[in-house]
Protein backbone atom coordinates (compact mmCIF):
# COMPACT_ATOMS: atom_id res chain seq x y z
CA MET A 1 223.54 68.91 35.89
CA VAL A 2 226.37 69.35 33.38
CA ILE A 3 226.63 68.72 29.64
CA VAL A 4 229.04 65.89 28.83
CA THR A 5 230.70 64.06 25.90
CA ASP A 6 230.44 64.59 22.17
CA LYS A 7 226.75 63.68 22.36
CA GLU A 8 226.11 66.69 24.61
CA TYR A 9 223.71 65.19 27.10
CA TYR A 10 223.04 66.11 30.72
CA LEU A 11 224.54 64.14 33.57
CA ASP A 12 224.06 64.74 37.27
CA GLY A 13 227.18 66.41 38.69
CA PHE A 14 227.77 63.72 41.31
CA THR A 15 227.28 60.96 38.74
CA LYS A 16 229.91 62.65 36.60
CA GLN A 17 232.30 62.48 39.56
CA ILE A 18 231.58 58.76 39.93
CA GLY A 19 232.29 58.29 36.22
CA ASP A 20 235.57 60.18 36.57
CA SER A 21 236.53 58.07 39.59
CA ILE A 22 235.80 54.84 37.70
CA GLY A 23 237.83 56.11 34.75
CA ASP A 24 240.74 56.81 37.09
CA ARG A 25 240.56 53.37 38.69
CA VAL A 26 240.56 51.41 35.44
CA SER A 27 243.12 53.64 33.68
CA LYS A 28 245.69 54.55 36.31
CA ARG A 29 245.20 51.83 38.92
CA LYS A 30 244.45 49.21 36.25
CA GLN A 31 241.53 47.73 38.18
CA ASP A 32 238.28 46.22 37.05
CA ILE A 33 235.01 47.71 38.27
CA VAL A 34 231.50 46.42 38.98
CA VAL A 35 228.59 48.87 39.26
CA ILE A 36 225.02 47.76 40.01
CA PHE A 37 221.79 49.46 38.92
CA ASP A 38 218.57 48.15 40.42
CA GLY A 39 214.95 49.25 40.71
CA ALA A 40 211.41 48.39 39.67
CA GLU A 41 210.50 47.86 36.03
CA GLY A 42 210.07 51.20 34.29
CA SER A 43 212.17 53.13 36.80
CA GLY A 44 214.78 54.07 34.18
CA LYS A 45 217.63 51.63 34.86
CA THR A 46 218.56 51.00 31.23
CA ASN A 47 218.65 54.68 30.31
CA ALA A 48 220.63 55.57 33.45
CA SER A 49 223.20 52.80 33.03
CA ILE A 50 223.74 53.68 29.37
CA CYS A 51 224.23 57.35 30.31
CA LEU A 52 226.95 56.39 32.80
CA ALA A 53 228.51 53.76 30.51
CA TYR A 54 228.85 56.17 27.61
CA TYR A 55 230.42 58.81 29.85
CA ILE A 56 232.95 56.31 31.24
CA GLY A 57 233.78 55.35 27.66
CA SER A 58 234.44 58.98 26.81
CA VAL A 59 236.87 59.53 29.71
CA THR A 60 238.71 56.23 29.17
CA ASN A 61 238.75 56.26 25.34
CA ARG A 62 236.86 52.96 25.30
CA PRO A 63 234.09 52.30 22.79
CA PHE A 64 230.56 51.89 24.03
CA ASP A 65 227.61 51.17 21.77
CA VAL A 66 224.83 48.62 21.44
CA ASN A 67 227.43 45.86 20.87
CA ASN A 68 228.56 46.32 24.47
CA VAL A 69 225.06 45.55 25.78
CA PHE A 70 224.18 41.95 26.66
CA PHE A 71 221.01 40.18 27.74
CA ASP A 72 222.32 36.62 27.67
CA LEU A 73 224.70 35.73 30.51
CA ASP A 74 226.68 33.19 28.48
CA GLU A 75 227.19 35.63 25.61
CA MET A 76 228.44 38.27 28.03
CA ILE A 77 230.86 35.83 29.65
CA LYS A 78 232.23 34.81 26.25
CA PHE A 79 232.74 38.46 25.25
CA ALA A 80 234.35 39.38 28.57
CA GLY A 81 236.77 36.46 28.42
CA SER A 82 237.90 37.15 24.86
CA THR A 83 238.47 40.92 25.15
CA LYS A 84 240.06 43.39 27.52
CA GLU A 85 239.44 46.94 28.75
CA GLN A 86 235.79 46.98 27.69
CA ILE A 87 232.66 48.58 29.11
CA ILE A 88 230.16 45.74 29.44
CA LEU A 89 226.51 46.32 30.27
CA TRP A 90 224.48 43.29 31.28
CA ASP A 91 220.83 44.36 31.03
CA GLU A 92 219.10 41.48 32.77
CA SER A 93 216.33 43.78 33.95
CA ALA A 94 215.30 44.61 30.36
CA LEU A 95 213.74 41.15 30.16
CA GLY A 96 211.08 42.30 32.61
CA GLY A 97 211.82 39.59 35.17
CA LEU A 98 211.35 36.81 32.63
CA ALA A 99 214.73 35.35 33.57
CA SER A 100 214.05 35.56 37.32
CA ASP A 101 214.33 31.79 37.81
CA TRP A 102 218.09 31.96 38.19
CA THR A 103 219.94 28.80 39.01
CA ASN A 104 222.93 28.43 41.31
CA SER A 105 225.01 27.48 38.27
CA SER A 106 224.28 30.86 36.65
CA GLN A 107 225.41 32.68 39.76
CA ARG A 108 228.54 30.55 39.94
CA LYS A 109 229.34 31.33 36.30
CA LEU A 110 228.93 35.06 36.93
CA LYS A 111 231.14 34.91 40.01
CA ALA A 112 233.80 32.88 38.18
CA MET A 113 233.75 35.33 35.25
CA LEU A 114 234.52 38.24 37.57
CA MET A 115 237.42 36.34 39.14
CA VAL A 116 238.92 35.31 35.80
CA CYS A 117 238.38 38.67 34.11
CA ARG A 118 239.79 40.81 36.92
CA LYS A 119 243.12 41.28 35.14
CA LEU A 120 241.34 42.33 31.92
CA ARG A 121 240.29 45.66 33.49
CA HIS A 122 236.70 45.68 32.29
CA VAL A 123 234.00 47.99 33.60
CA PHE A 124 230.96 45.81 34.33
CA ILE A 125 227.57 47.45 34.76
CA PHE A 126 224.79 45.12 35.91
CA ASN A 127 221.12 46.03 35.54
CA ILE A 128 218.98 43.87 37.78
CA PRO A 129 215.53 44.33 39.36
CA ARG A 130 216.82 43.70 42.91
CA PHE A 131 220.49 43.85 43.84
CA TYR A 132 220.13 41.24 46.59
CA ARG A 133 219.39 38.58 43.97
CA LEU A 134 223.10 38.63 43.21
CA ASN A 135 225.53 36.34 44.98
CA PRO A 136 226.92 38.00 48.17
CA ASP A 137 230.47 37.74 46.79
CA ILE A 138 229.41 39.70 43.70
CA ILE A 139 227.78 42.37 45.85
CA GLU A 140 230.98 42.60 47.89
CA ARG A 141 232.98 43.10 44.68
CA SER A 142 230.77 45.99 43.57
CA LEU A 143 231.93 49.59 43.79
CA CYS A 144 228.47 51.05 44.32
CA LEU A 145 224.74 50.77 43.72
CA PHE A 146 222.41 53.13 41.91
CA HIS A 147 218.84 52.42 43.01
CA LEU A 148 216.41 53.84 40.41
CA TYR A 149 212.86 54.86 41.28
CA GLU A 150 209.94 56.98 40.14
CA ASN A 151 209.20 60.15 42.12
CA ASP A 152 205.79 61.31 43.35
CA LYS A 153 205.00 62.63 39.87
CA GLU A 154 205.72 59.15 38.47
CA GLU A 155 208.78 60.41 36.61
CA PRO A 156 211.49 57.75 36.10
CA GLY A 157 215.23 58.33 36.30
CA ASN A 158 215.54 59.32 39.96
CA PHE A 159 218.24 57.53 41.88
CA MET A 160 219.67 56.91 45.33
CA PHE A 161 223.41 56.30 45.44
CA ILE A 162 224.75 53.72 47.91
CA SER A 163 228.53 53.44 48.30
CA ARG A 164 230.38 50.15 48.74
CA ASP A 165 230.50 50.25 52.56
CA PHE A 166 226.82 51.07 52.95
CA LEU A 167 225.92 48.56 50.25
CA GLN A 168 227.25 45.78 52.46
CA THR A 169 225.28 47.13 55.42
CA LEU A 170 222.14 47.41 53.29
CA TYR A 171 222.56 43.82 52.14
CA GLN A 172 223.02 42.52 55.69
CA SER A 173 219.95 44.49 56.75
CA TRP A 174 217.95 42.94 53.93
CA ARG A 175 219.04 39.45 54.93
CA THR A 176 217.72 40.09 58.43
CA THR A 177 214.50 41.94 57.67
CA LYS A 178 213.80 41.01 54.02
CA PHE A 179 213.32 44.73 53.43
CA ALA A 180 215.79 46.90 51.48
CA ASN A 181 215.76 50.33 53.15
CA TYR A 182 217.57 52.27 50.42
CA TRP A 183 216.74 55.65 51.94
CA LYS A 184 218.46 54.78 55.20
CA TYR A 185 221.76 53.87 53.55
CA LYS A 186 221.89 56.27 50.60
CA LYS A 187 224.77 58.73 50.36
CA LEU A 188 222.76 61.13 48.21
CA HIS A 189 220.09 61.18 45.53
CA GLY A 190 219.76 62.74 42.08
CA CYS A 191 218.33 62.04 38.64
CA PHE A 192 219.28 60.98 35.12
CA ALA A 193 218.08 62.87 32.05
CA TRP A 194 216.56 60.77 29.25
CA CYS A 195 219.24 60.41 26.57
CA MET A 196 219.41 56.70 25.70
CA GLU A 197 218.31 57.26 22.09
CA LYS A 198 221.17 59.73 21.62
CA LEU A 199 223.80 57.27 22.74
CA ILE A 200 223.01 53.91 21.14
CA ASP A 201 221.05 52.52 18.20
CA ASN A 202 217.68 52.13 19.90
CA ASP A 203 216.17 50.00 17.12
CA ALA A 204 219.08 47.58 17.33
CA TYR A 205 218.73 47.49 21.12
CA GLU A 206 215.02 46.66 20.93
CA ASP A 207 215.69 43.98 18.32
CA MET A 208 218.32 42.37 20.54
CA LYS A 209 215.96 42.48 23.51
CA ASP A 210 213.12 40.88 21.53
CA LYS A 211 215.39 38.07 20.39
CA ALA A 212 216.59 37.49 23.97
CA ILE A 213 213.02 37.28 25.25
CA LEU A 214 211.95 34.86 22.52
CA LYS A 215 215.06 32.78 23.21
CA LEU A 216 213.97 32.51 26.83
CA ALA A 217 210.54 31.37 25.68
CA ASN A 218 212.06 28.73 23.40
CA ASP A 219 214.29 27.53 26.24
CA THR A 220 211.22 26.77 28.37
CA PRO A 221 210.81 22.96 28.64
CA GLU A 222 208.20 21.72 26.20
CA MET A 223 204.96 20.72 27.90
CA LYS A 224 203.62 17.42 26.58
CA LYS A 225 200.62 15.39 27.51
CA GLY A 226 200.83 14.06 31.06
CA VAL A 227 203.28 16.72 32.33
CA VAL A 228 201.97 18.76 35.25
CA ILE A 229 202.19 22.54 34.80
CA ASP A 230 203.76 23.95 37.94
CA GLU A 231 203.46 27.47 39.33
CA LYS A 232 206.84 28.72 38.14
CA TRP A 233 206.16 27.61 34.56
CA THR A 234 202.70 29.19 34.65
CA GLU A 235 204.02 32.53 35.90
CA LYS A 236 206.78 32.56 33.31
CA MET A 237 204.38 31.83 30.46
CA LEU A 238 202.00 34.53 31.64
CA ASN A 239 204.86 37.04 31.56
CA PHE A 240 205.73 35.97 28.03
CA TYR A 241 202.09 36.25 26.97
CA LEU A 242 201.79 39.79 28.38
CA TYR A 243 205.00 40.86 26.68
CA LEU A 244 203.99 39.47 23.29
CA LYS A 245 200.56 41.02 23.64
CA GLU A 246 202.15 44.43 24.27
CA GLN A 247 204.19 43.93 21.10
CA GLY A 248 200.96 43.63 19.11
CA LYS A 249 201.14 39.88 18.48
CA GLY A 250 197.89 38.11 17.66
CA GLU A 251 196.65 35.08 19.57
CA ARG A 252 197.53 32.62 16.81
CA GLU A 253 201.07 33.97 16.69
CA ILE A 254 201.40 33.87 20.48
CA VAL A 255 200.21 30.26 20.61
CA ASP A 256 202.78 29.34 17.94
CA ILE A 257 205.65 31.21 19.63
CA LEU A 258 204.96 29.80 23.10
CA GLY A 259 204.18 26.30 21.87
CA ILE A 260 200.97 25.99 23.88
CA ASN A 261 197.37 25.20 22.98
CA ARG A 262 194.44 27.58 23.01
CA MET A 263 193.06 26.22 26.28
CA LEU A 264 196.28 27.13 28.08
CA LEU A 265 196.29 30.55 26.44
CA TYR A 266 192.73 31.06 27.68
CA ARG A 267 193.81 30.23 31.23
CA LEU A 268 196.80 32.55 30.99
CA LYS A 269 194.49 35.37 29.88
CA LYS A 270 192.10 34.58 32.71
CA GLY A 271 195.00 34.62 35.14
CA GLU A 272 195.96 38.08 33.90
CA ALA A 273 192.63 39.45 35.09
CA LEU A 274 192.55 37.51 38.37
CA GLY A 275 195.88 38.75 39.70
CA SER A 276 196.43 37.00 43.05
CA GLU A 277 194.22 34.13 41.91
CA LEU A 278 196.62 33.38 39.04
CA TYR A 279 197.95 30.08 40.35
CA LYS A 280 194.58 28.77 41.45
CA THR A 281 193.18 29.45 38.00
CA CYS A 282 196.10 28.11 35.98
CA ILE A 283 196.73 24.84 37.79
CA SER A 284 193.19 23.83 38.69
CA SER A 285 190.92 21.76 36.46
CA GLY A 286 188.33 19.06 36.69
CA ASN A 287 191.01 16.36 36.67
CA GLY A 288 192.15 15.90 40.25
CA GLY A 289 193.12 19.57 40.65
CA GLU A 290 195.95 19.39 38.12
CA SER A 291 196.03 21.05 34.71
CA ARG A 292 197.89 19.20 31.97
CA ALA A 293 199.02 20.38 28.56
CA GLU A 294 197.48 18.67 25.61
CA GLU A 295 199.34 17.60 22.53
């Protein structure tokens, strides 16, 4: 590892080379760049991507702070289209999978943004739980993939680096087998030191993330009497409940934020304990096997 930038943090030597290469591409060749970070929740994607983003900013004389981090796709697209030569981090994974019900229109918007913004020479860094959720054309546009994981000692920040050529092969392999064999296609592996709090305003970041999560909750269609609660809605609400619970919210506050009644909250809590029986618990009742929200 080497010490880099004015913040004096450690960066893996190979990762530094990748940052230098990206800086060269966007500065001398005047290209735009897409880099993907993926991995399970808690594997260190946000910290790793911020480490790389800040270093790229230092070698290209581009600003990077919390204002360059986005959770909302539409807000990122608006920023990218109205600026040029920015480092833009889309931290979809920070929402803990709460936005996993992507629509085709969202993917089309992301693809169109990359086409339109190509001449603006941005560096896009996408944090996402699984890279293969992205549109194939977006994967093809990407320079590389950093797959983050925890090692045997359960330490986050470890990564496998997959170059563009092998990324395509990995994606095709996943399409065939539905298994992403990162180890088979990695070029090398390394680790990121924890330095996120050195590089951005962590309190501002957490505040932005909380607002994005609550916005997702408010965007959930309101459940009124007579509307059947389907599995996707149930899973999404359970995720919101668990997140709010971790934030120290009380049950009254959670009920108010989510716009549900206490009976539904009870079933969500019961589903938390049942694990694989979640759907059976949350959509079964004494009324023909369907659970309905009450006014």
